């Protein structure tokens, strides 16, 4: 690990020199590429420097302990355990930082939320979850753009698809994919009986054009008149778009925009991200078949979380975490949940790495 850290520090210094070179500054493409690489290495180098400083202090204290000054020896003895603990913590942090990066972590996401079991109550919870993620995105200074939605008359949504754009969006929200279960008394329930409903959440990295090549002859595009609430032209002009990817049979419909061109653009964005998701899952399955153990990825088929409103409780079943502040979570306060999930999967990845070394 130390050899790797030395190489990273060397590269970091090299990048710093490049970024101050007038020739690089005048070449925006190179400058941005080097800036991104420099930024990615900054935290590793800072922690490595802290580790070297702590190690130097530790060695100095050990040499003092072997000296003749009794007063200084006692002071040094007292400081050694704290310095050793600090070094252990810094080494653990560096191991996490040196884990292979998910290439999708810095991407925007396509968020898809759909009603599962539970009828109208499930549809209402779709709207609640979308509001929760939107509030969280707002705190992170991310932008939310709805691509497609299917509202019902009582304030619920059969489904909603949106882009959440911002630095690290996928890295924070990728573990939200799965079945979310809600337990509460619906507003329409006269007897006060608690109902259990489910909603599915899918978090897909937004595909870049270079990653997914969709050929025109692989697409069938149908236009139709949009339904539901809207302006005068909603049911008179064929602005809605239904896009079918013939090789896979994937179908995407968009009708939220009054312009057929905009609906087509949104449909293509959703389709590309779904195709990228399929491609990545095929790659993951291939890797899983070739190794004995696999770190979990929060697969969307898992029932991952329960929201119990009568008890003001939210439980994530993957990591055994229960919080009794569901009201705050539904307002977008997801940090504790998200950080716990990231820590869990990083720890699992470290275990997998250690097993591979054995």
Protein backbone atom coordinates (compact mmCIF):
# COMPACT_ATOMS: atom_id res chain seq x y z
CA UNK A 1 0.00 0.00 0.00
CA UNK A 2 2.84 2.39 0.86
CA UNK A 3 4.43 1.93 -2.56
CA UNK A 4 1.10 2.74 -4.21
CA UNK A 5 0.67 5.82 -2.02
CA UNK A 6 4.13 7.07 -2.97
CA UNK A 7 3.25 6.70 -6.66
CA UNK A 8 -0.03 8.59 -6.12
CA UNK A 9 1.76 11.42 -4.30
CA UNK A 10 4.31 11.63 -7.11
CA UNK A 11 1.54 11.86 -9.71
CA UNK A 12 -0.31 14.45 -7.60
CA UNK A 13 2.77 16.72 -7.55
CA UNK A 14 3.25 16.17 -11.28
CA UNK A 15 -0.38 17.18 -11.94
CA UNK A 16 0.03 20.30 -9.78
CA UNK A 17 2.97 21.37 -11.94
CA UNK A 18 1.04 20.67 -15.15
CA UNK A 19 -1.92 22.76 -13.95
CA UNK A 20 0.37 25.77 -13.49
CA UNK A 21 1.89 25.36 -16.96
CA UNK A 22 0.65 28.18 -19.29
CA UNK A 23 0.44 25.74 -22.21
CA UNK A 24 -1.93 23.47 -20.27
CA UNK A 25 -3.97 26.42 -18.97
CA UNK A 26 -4.54 27.60 -22.56
CA UNK A 27 -5.72 24.10 -23.58
CA UNK A 28 -9.09 23.83 -21.82
CA UNK A 29 -9.62 20.16 -22.65
CA UNK A 30 -6.28 19.11 -21.12
CA UNK A 31 -6.68 21.52 -18.19
CA UNK A 32 -10.09 20.07 -17.28
CA UNK A 33 -8.84 16.48 -17.60
CA UNK A 34 -5.82 17.13 -15.36
CA UNK A 35 -7.94 19.13 -12.89
CA UNK A 36 -10.36 16.23 -12.55
CA UNK A 37 -7.52 13.75 -11.94
CA UNK A 38 -5.85 16.13 -9.46
CA UNK A 39 -9.12 16.58 -7.56
CA UNK A 40 -9.66 12.80 -7.39
CA UNK A 41 -6.23 12.32 -5.76
CA UNK A 42 -6.40 15.27 -3.33
CA UNK A 43 -8.07 13.49 -0.39
CA UNK A 44 -5.78 10.43 -0.68
CA UNK A 45 -2.65 12.62 -0.63
CA UNK A 46 -3.95 14.72 2.29
CA UNK A 47 -4.67 11.62 4.40
CA UNK A 48 -1.31 10.10 3.40
CA UNK A 49 0.47 13.27 4.57
CA UNK A 50 -1.42 13.09 7.88
CA UNK A 51 -0.29 9.46 8.22
CA UNK A 52 3.36 10.36 7.56
CA UNK A 53 3.16 13.20 10.10
CA UNK A 54 1.62 10.91 12.74
CA UNK A 55 4.25 8.22 12.04
CA UNK A 56 7.07 10.75 12.42
CA UNK A 57 5.64 11.90 15.77
CA UNK A 58 5.24 8.27 16.88
CA UNK A 59 8.86 7.41 16.04
CA UNK A 60 10.07 10.57 17.82
CA UNK A 61 8.11 9.64 20.96
CA UNK A 62 9.48 6.08 20.87
CA UNK A 63 13.03 7.43 20.72
CA UNK A 64 12.30 9.75 23.66
CA UNK A 65 11.02 6.78 25.69
CA UNK A 66 14.44 5.18 25.22
CA UNK A 67 16.18 8.36 26.42
CA UNK A 68 17.32 9.37 29.90
CA UNK A 69 15.01 12.36 30.61
CA UNK A 70 12.42 10.82 32.97
CA UNK A 71 9.88 13.64 32.64
CA UNK A 72 9.98 13.59 28.82
CA UNK A 73 9.80 9.76 28.81
CA UNK A 74 6.54 9.83 30.78
CA UNK A 75 5.01 12.45 28.45
CA UNK A 76 6.06 10.45 25.40
CA UNK A 77 4.58 7.24 26.86
CA UNK A 78 1.24 9.01 27.33
CA UNK A 79 1.17 10.24 23.72
CA UNK A 80 2.11 6.94 22.03
CA UNK A 81 -1.32 5.16 22.34
CA UNK A 82 -3.17 8.18 20.88
CA UNK A 83 -0.73 8.43 17.97
CA UNK A 84 -0.99 4.68 17.31
CA UNK A 85 -4.79 4.92 17.31
CA UNK A 86 -4.62 7.91 14.93
CA UNK A 87 -2.38 5.94 12.56
CA UNK A 88 -4.70 2.92 12.61
CA UNK A 89 -7.66 5.17 11.74
CA UNK A 90 -5.74 6.89 8.93
CA UNK A 91 -4.62 3.55 7.49
CA UNK A 92 -8.21 2.27 7.53
CA UNK A 93 -9.38 5.45 5.78
CA UNK A 94 -6.68 5.07 3.11
CA UNK A 95 -7.71 1.47 2.44
CA UNK A 96 -11.24 2.74 1.71
CA UNK A 97 -9.94 5.57 -0.48
CA UNK A 98 -7.77 3.15 -2.45
CA UNK A 99 -10.65 0.82 -3.30
CA UNK A 100 -11.36 0.67 -7.07
CA UNK A 101 -13.73 3.50 -7.95
CA UNK A 102 -17.13 2.77 -9.46
CA UNK A 103 -16.86 4.45 -12.90
CA UNK A 104 -20.47 5.60 -12.55
CA UNK A 105 -20.08 7.33 -9.18
CA UNK A 106 -19.81 10.87 -10.54
CA UNK A 107 -22.69 10.48 -13.00
CA UNK A 108 -26.17 11.91 -12.92
CA UNK A 109 -28.93 9.39 -12.32
CA UNK A 110 -32.24 8.36 -13.81
CA UNK A 111 -34.58 7.79 -10.86
CA UNK A 112 -37.61 5.55 -11.53
CA UNK A 113 -40.24 5.05 -8.82
CA UNK A 114 -43.28 2.80 -9.43
CA UNK A 115 -46.26 1.70 -7.39
CA UNK A 116 -46.22 -1.98 -6.46
CA UNK A 117 -48.73 -3.75 -4.21
CA UNK A 118 -51.31 -1.59 -2.45
CA UNK A 119 -53.37 0.27 -5.06
CA UNK A 120 -53.95 3.97 -4.37
CA UNK A 121 -51.92 3.89 -1.15
CA UNK A 122 -48.87 2.62 -3.09
CA UNK A 123 -49.35 5.41 -5.65
CA UNK A 124 -49.49 8.02 -2.89
CA UNK A 125 -46.26 6.64 -1.45
CA UNK A 126 -44.60 6.96 -4.88
CA UNK A 127 -45.30 10.70 -4.65
CA UNK A 128 -44.03 10.77 -1.04
CA UNK A 129 -40.76 9.05 -1.95
CA UNK A 130 -40.21 11.32 -4.94
CA UNK A 131 -40.69 14.33 -2.65
CA UNK A 132 -38.21 12.79 -0.17
CA UNK A 133 -35.53 12.31 -2.83
CA UNK A 134 -36.23 15.78 -4.27
CA UNK A 135 -35.73 17.37 -0.84
CA UNK A 136 -32.47 15.46 -0.40
CA UNK A 137 -31.32 16.56 -3.87
CA UNK A 138 -32.14 20.17 -2.98
CA UNK A 139 -29.87 20.01 0.09
CA UNK A 140 -27.09 18.53 -2.09
CA UNK A 141 -27.60 21.37 -4.61
CA UNK A 142 -28.55 18.90 -7.33
CA UNK A 143 -31.04 19.60 -10.10
CA UNK A 144 -34.19 17.47 -10.51
CA UNK A 145 -35.97 17.23 -13.87
CA UNK A 146 -39.09 15.10 -14.33
CA UNK A 147 -38.95 13.09 -17.56
CA UNK A 148 -42.23 11.21 -17.29
CA UNK A 149 -45.03 10.77 -14.76
CA UNK A 150 -48.43 9.05 -14.46
CA UNK A 151 -50.51 10.90 -11.85
CA UNK A 152 -53.75 9.65 -10.32
CA UNK A 153 -56.51 11.89 -9.08
CA UNK A 154 -55.82 11.70 -5.33
CA UNK A 155 -52.31 13.15 -5.37
CA UNK A 156 -50.52 9.89 -6.10
CA UNK A 157 -48.39 8.65 -8.99
CA UNK A 158 -48.45 5.25 -10.67
CA UNK A 159 -44.87 5.99 -11.68
CA UNK A 160 -42.45 8.86 -12.06
CA UNK A 161 -39.12 9.03 -13.90
CA UNK A 162 -36.70 11.89 -13.31
CA UNK A 163 -33.10 12.94 -13.89
CA UNK A 164 -31.18 13.99 -10.78
CA UNK A 165 -28.11 15.90 -11.95
CA UNK A 166 -25.22 16.79 -9.69
CA UNK A 167 -21.74 15.78 -8.57
CA UNK A 168 -21.72 12.32 -7.02
CA UNK A 169 -25.47 11.72 -7.43
CA UNK A 170 -25.01 8.06 -8.36
CA UNK A 171 -22.43 7.43 -5.61
CA UNK A 172 -24.93 8.63 -2.99
CA UNK A 173 -28.16 7.13 -4.30
CA UNK A 174 -27.11 3.89 -6.02
CA UNK A 175 -28.06 1.78 -3.01
CA UNK A 176 -31.67 3.03 -3.07
CA UNK A 177 -32.63 0.52 -5.79
CA UNK A 178 -35.05 -2.08 -4.48
CA UNK A 179 -38.48 -2.64 -2.97
CA UNK A 180 -39.54 -0.05 -0.39
CA UNK A 181 -42.34 -1.11 1.97
CA UNK A 182 -44.66 1.33 3.73
CA UNK A 183 -46.85 0.59 6.75
CA UNK A 184 -49.43 3.21 7.71
CA UNK A 185 -53.13 3.99 8.04
CA UNK A 186 -54.37 5.36 4.70
CA UNK A 187 -56.41 8.56 4.77
CA UNK A 188 -59.30 6.61 3.20
CA UNK A 189 -59.27 3.92 5.94
CA UNK A 190 -62.21 4.59 8.26
CA UNK A 191 -61.42 1.78 10.73
CA UNK A 192 -57.85 2.92 11.39
CA UNK A 193 -56.35 -0.36 10.16
CA UNK A 194 -52.67 -0.29 9.13
CA UNK A 195 -52.06 -1.16 5.48
CA UNK A 196 -48.82 -2.48 3.98
CA UNK A 197 -47.95 -1.33 0.47
CA UNK A 198 -44.83 -1.57 -1.69
CA UNK A 199 -43.06 0.71 -4.14
CA UNK A 200 -40.10 -0.12 -6.39
CA UNK A 201 -37.19 2.26 -6.85
CA UNK A 202 -34.62 1.97 -9.63
CA UNK A 203 -31.51 4.17 -9.74
CA UNK A 204 -29.72 4.06 -13.09
CA UNK A 205 -26.55 5.95 -14.04
CA UNK A 206 -27.39 8.37 -16.84
CA UNK A 207 -25.92 6.98 -20.05
CA UNK A 208 -23.53 9.09 -22.09
CA UNK A 209 -23.81 8.94 -25.87
CA UNK A 210 -20.40 7.34 -26.22
CA UNK A 211 -21.39 4.42 -23.94
CA UNK A 212 -24.55 3.28 -25.70
CA UNK A 213 -24.84 3.18 -29.48
CA UNK A 214 -28.50 2.96 -30.50
CA UNK A 215 -28.85 2.51 -34.24
CA UNK A 216 -31.87 4.11 -35.96
CA UNK A 217 -32.95 0.79 -37.49
CA UNK A 218 -33.16 -0.69 -33.96
CA UNK A 219 -35.90 1.76 -32.99
CA UNK A 220 -39.60 1.92 -33.68
CA UNK A 221 -41.11 5.28 -32.78
CA UNK A 222 -44.88 5.72 -32.56
CA UNK A 223 -46.65 8.98 -31.85
CA UNK A 224 -50.05 9.32 -30.22
CA UNK A 225 -52.27 11.85 -28.52
CA UNK A 226 -51.38 12.48 -24.89
CA UNK A 227 -53.96 11.75 -22.24
CA UNK A 228 -54.72 13.30 -18.87
CA UNK A 229 -54.62 16.90 -17.69
CA UNK A 230 -52.90 19.54 -19.78
CA UNK A 231 -53.31 22.40 -22.21
CA UNK A 232 -55.65 22.73 -25.16
CA UNK A 233 -53.54 20.67 -27.53
CA UNK A 234 -53.06 17.67 -25.19
CA UNK A 235 -55.70 15.49 -26.82
CA UNK A 236 -55.70 17.11 -30.28
CA UNK A 237 -52.07 16.85 -31.45
CA UNK A 238 -49.91 13.71 -31.51
CA UNK A 239 -47.12 14.98 -29.23
CA UNK A 240 -46.71 11.83 -27.12
CA UNK A 241 -43.96 9.40 -28.11
CA UNK A 242 -43.68 5.65 -27.63
CA UNK A 243 -40.17 4.34 -28.36
CA UNK A 244 -39.48 0.60 -28.76
CA UNK A 245 -35.98 -0.84 -28.83
CA UNK A 246 -36.51 -3.80 -31.15
CA UNK A 247 -33.51 -6.01 -30.11
CA UNK A 248 -34.47 -5.97 -26.41
CA UNK A 249 -38.19 -5.22 -26.55
CA UNK A 250 -37.76 -2.28 -24.13
CA UNK A 251 -40.58 0.27 -24.45
CA UNK A 252 -40.46 3.88 -23.20
CA UNK A 253 -43.35 6.36 -23.39
CA UNK A 254 -43.17 10.11 -22.81
CA UNK A 255 -46.06 12.57 -22.99
CA UNK A 256 -45.31 15.27 -20.40
CA UNK A 257 -44.03 17.85 -22.92
CA UNK A 258 -46.22 19.70 -25.44
CA UNK A 259 -43.48 19.25 -28.05
CA UNK A 260 -43.06 15.89 -29.77
CA UNK A 261 -39.35 16.66 -30.22
CA UNK A 262 -38.84 17.16 -26.45
CA UNK A 263 -40.77 13.98 -25.66
CA UNK A 264 -38.58 12.11 -28.13
CA UNK A 265 -35.41 13.47 -26.47
CA UNK A 266 -36.61 12.45 -23.01
CA UNK A 267 -37.64 8.97 -24.22
CA UNK A 268 -34.20 8.47 -25.77
CA UNK A 269 -32.49 9.51 -22.51
CA UNK A 270 -34.51 6.98 -20.48
CA UNK A 271 -33.99 4.23 -23.07
CA UNK A 272 -30.22 4.76 -23.23
CA UNK A 273 -29.92 4.59 -19.43
CA UNK A 274 -31.99 1.39 -19.25
CA UNK A 275 -29.86 -0.22 -21.96
CA UNK A 276 -26.70 0.82 -20.09
CA UNK A 277 -28.15 -0.73 -16.93
CA UNK A 278 -28.80 -4.02 -18.76
CA UNK A 279 -25.28 -3.98 -20.20
CA UNK A 280 -23.72 -3.41 -16.78
CA UNK A 281 -25.83 -6.09 -15.12
CA UNK A 282 -24.74 -8.59 -17.77
CA UNK A 283 -21.11 -7.68 -17.03
CA UNK A 284 -21.70 -8.02 -13.27
CA UNK A 285 -23.32 -11.43 -13.75
CA UNK A 286 -20.35 -12.58 -15.82
CA UNK A 287 -17.90 -11.45 -13.14
CA UNK A 288 -20.01 -13.11 -10.43
CA UNK A 289 -19.87 -16.45 -12.26
CA UNK A 290 -16.09 -16.21 -12.44
CA UNK A 291 -15.43 -15.61 -8.75
CA UNK A 292 -16.48 -17.40 -5.59
CA UNK A 293 -17.78 -14.45 -3.60
CA UNK A 294 -19.60 -11.33 -4.67
CA UNK A 295 -20.16 -8.05 -2.86
CA UNK A 296 -23.84 -7.06 -2.82
CA UNK A 297 -24.92 -4.13 -4.94
CA UNK A 298 -28.37 -3.39 -3.52
CA UNK A 299 -30.18 -5.20 -6.31
CA UNK A 300 -33.62 -3.77 -6.98
CA UNK A 301 -35.33 -7.17 -6.52
CA UNK A 302 -34.52 -7.09 -2.79
CA UNK A 303 -36.97 -5.75 -0.21
CA UNK A 304 -34.59 -3.23 1.20
CA UNK A 305 -36.44 -0.88 3.54
CA UNK A 306 -39.58 -0.49 5.64
CA UNK A 307 -41.20 2.85 6.52
CA UNK A 308 -43.49 2.39 9.56
CA UNK A 309 -45.47 5.58 10.13
CA UNK A 310 -47.34 4.65 13.38
CA UNK A 311 -43.97 3.99 15.08
CA UNK A 312 -42.13 6.84 13.28
CA UNK A 313 -39.61 4.16 12.30
CA UNK A 314 -37.54 3.43 9.19
CA UNK A 315 -35.55 0.18 8.95
CA UNK A 316 -32.98 -0.76 6.32
CA UNK A 317 -32.98 -4.56 6.26
CA UNK A 318 -29.66 -4.94 4.42
CA UNK A 319 -27.57 -3.40 7.20
CA UNK A 320 -29.90 -3.88 10.20
CA UNK A 321 -30.22 -0.13 10.80
CA UNK A 322 -33.37 1.26 12.42
CA UNK A 323 -34.02 4.98 12.97
CA UNK A 324 -36.94 6.34 14.98
CA UNK A 325 -37.23 9.62 13.08
CA UNK A 326 -39.15 8.71 9.96
CA UNK A 327 -40.71 12.20 9.87
CA UNK A 328 -37.25 13.76 9.31
CA UNK A 329 -36.29 11.10 6.73
CA UNK A 330 -39.42 11.81 4.68
CA UNK A 331 -38.37 15.47 4.64
CA UNK A 332 -35.15 14.45 2.87
CA UNK A 333 -32.84 13.94 5.85
CA UNK A 334 -31.23 10.81 4.36
CA UNK A 335 -27.59 11.40 5.33
CA UNK A 336 -27.43 8.88 8.18
CA UNK A 337 -29.03 6.14 6.06
CA UNK A 338 -26.93 6.84 2.99
CA UNK A 339 -23.60 7.13 4.86
CA UNK A 340 -24.32 3.88 6.75
CA UNK A 341 -25.02 2.08 3.46
CA UNK A 342 -21.86 3.43 1.82
CA UNK A 343 -19.78 2.37 4.84
CA UNK A 344 -21.36 -1.11 4.80
CA UNK A 345 -20.66 -1.77 1.12
CA UNK A 346 -17.14 -0.34 1.38
CA UNK A 347 -16.44 -2.72 4.28
CA UNK A 348 -17.80 -5.63 2.24
CA UNK A 349 -15.60 -4.60 -0.68
CA UNK A 350 -12.55 -4.53 1.62
CA UNK A 351 -13.38 -8.05 2.85
CA UNK A 352 -13.64 -9.21 -0.76
CA UNK A 353 -10.28 -7.58 -1.55
CA UNK A 354 -8.62 -9.23 1.45
CA UNK A 355 -10.05 -12.62 0.43
CA UNK A 356 -8.67 -12.15 -3.08
CA UNK A 357 -5.19 -11.43 -1.63
CA UNK A 358 -5.34 -14.67 0.41
